[in-house]
Amino acid sequence: MTSNHPNEQSNTLEQARSLLSPYLDGEVTPDERALVEGALARSPELRAELESLRQTVRMVRALPRVPAPRPFTLTQADAGMPAPKEPFFRRGWFRALAGAMVALSAVLVAGILVSLNRGAPPAMEVALAPAAE
């Protein structure tokens, strides 16, 4: 049901105008397509706008692609942010301390093993001793 009311026609024309770019790109729903095509059939002005938009799209697509001159991400320095501190476990003093602790642990374990074996009879004597009855 089509209305001839001027406000409704104006609203339809404005809706169709806002859909011209998606219409050209094929990104409208079937209902939107019907709305645009109906408005195009009634409005020479809208047809001229569509043709102008088509020409603009053709001209833009004809332009050579130019690489961006630089990345568009900011470094921390560009953003005025201080560089993050290195985690403590990656700092030199922590690595040195960890290495010293590993060495100390190895010495302690070796010392404990030696002290435990001092009071025990040699393994060969234990193996050759007759079983106690």
Foldseek 3Di string as FASTA:
>chain_A
DDDPDVVVLVVLLVLLLVCLVVVVVVNDDPVSVVSNVVNVVVDPVSVVVSVVVVVVVVVVVPDDDDDDPDDPDDDCVRVVHDDDDDPPCPDPVNVVVVVVVVVVVVVVVVVVVVVVCPPDDDPVCVVPDDDDD
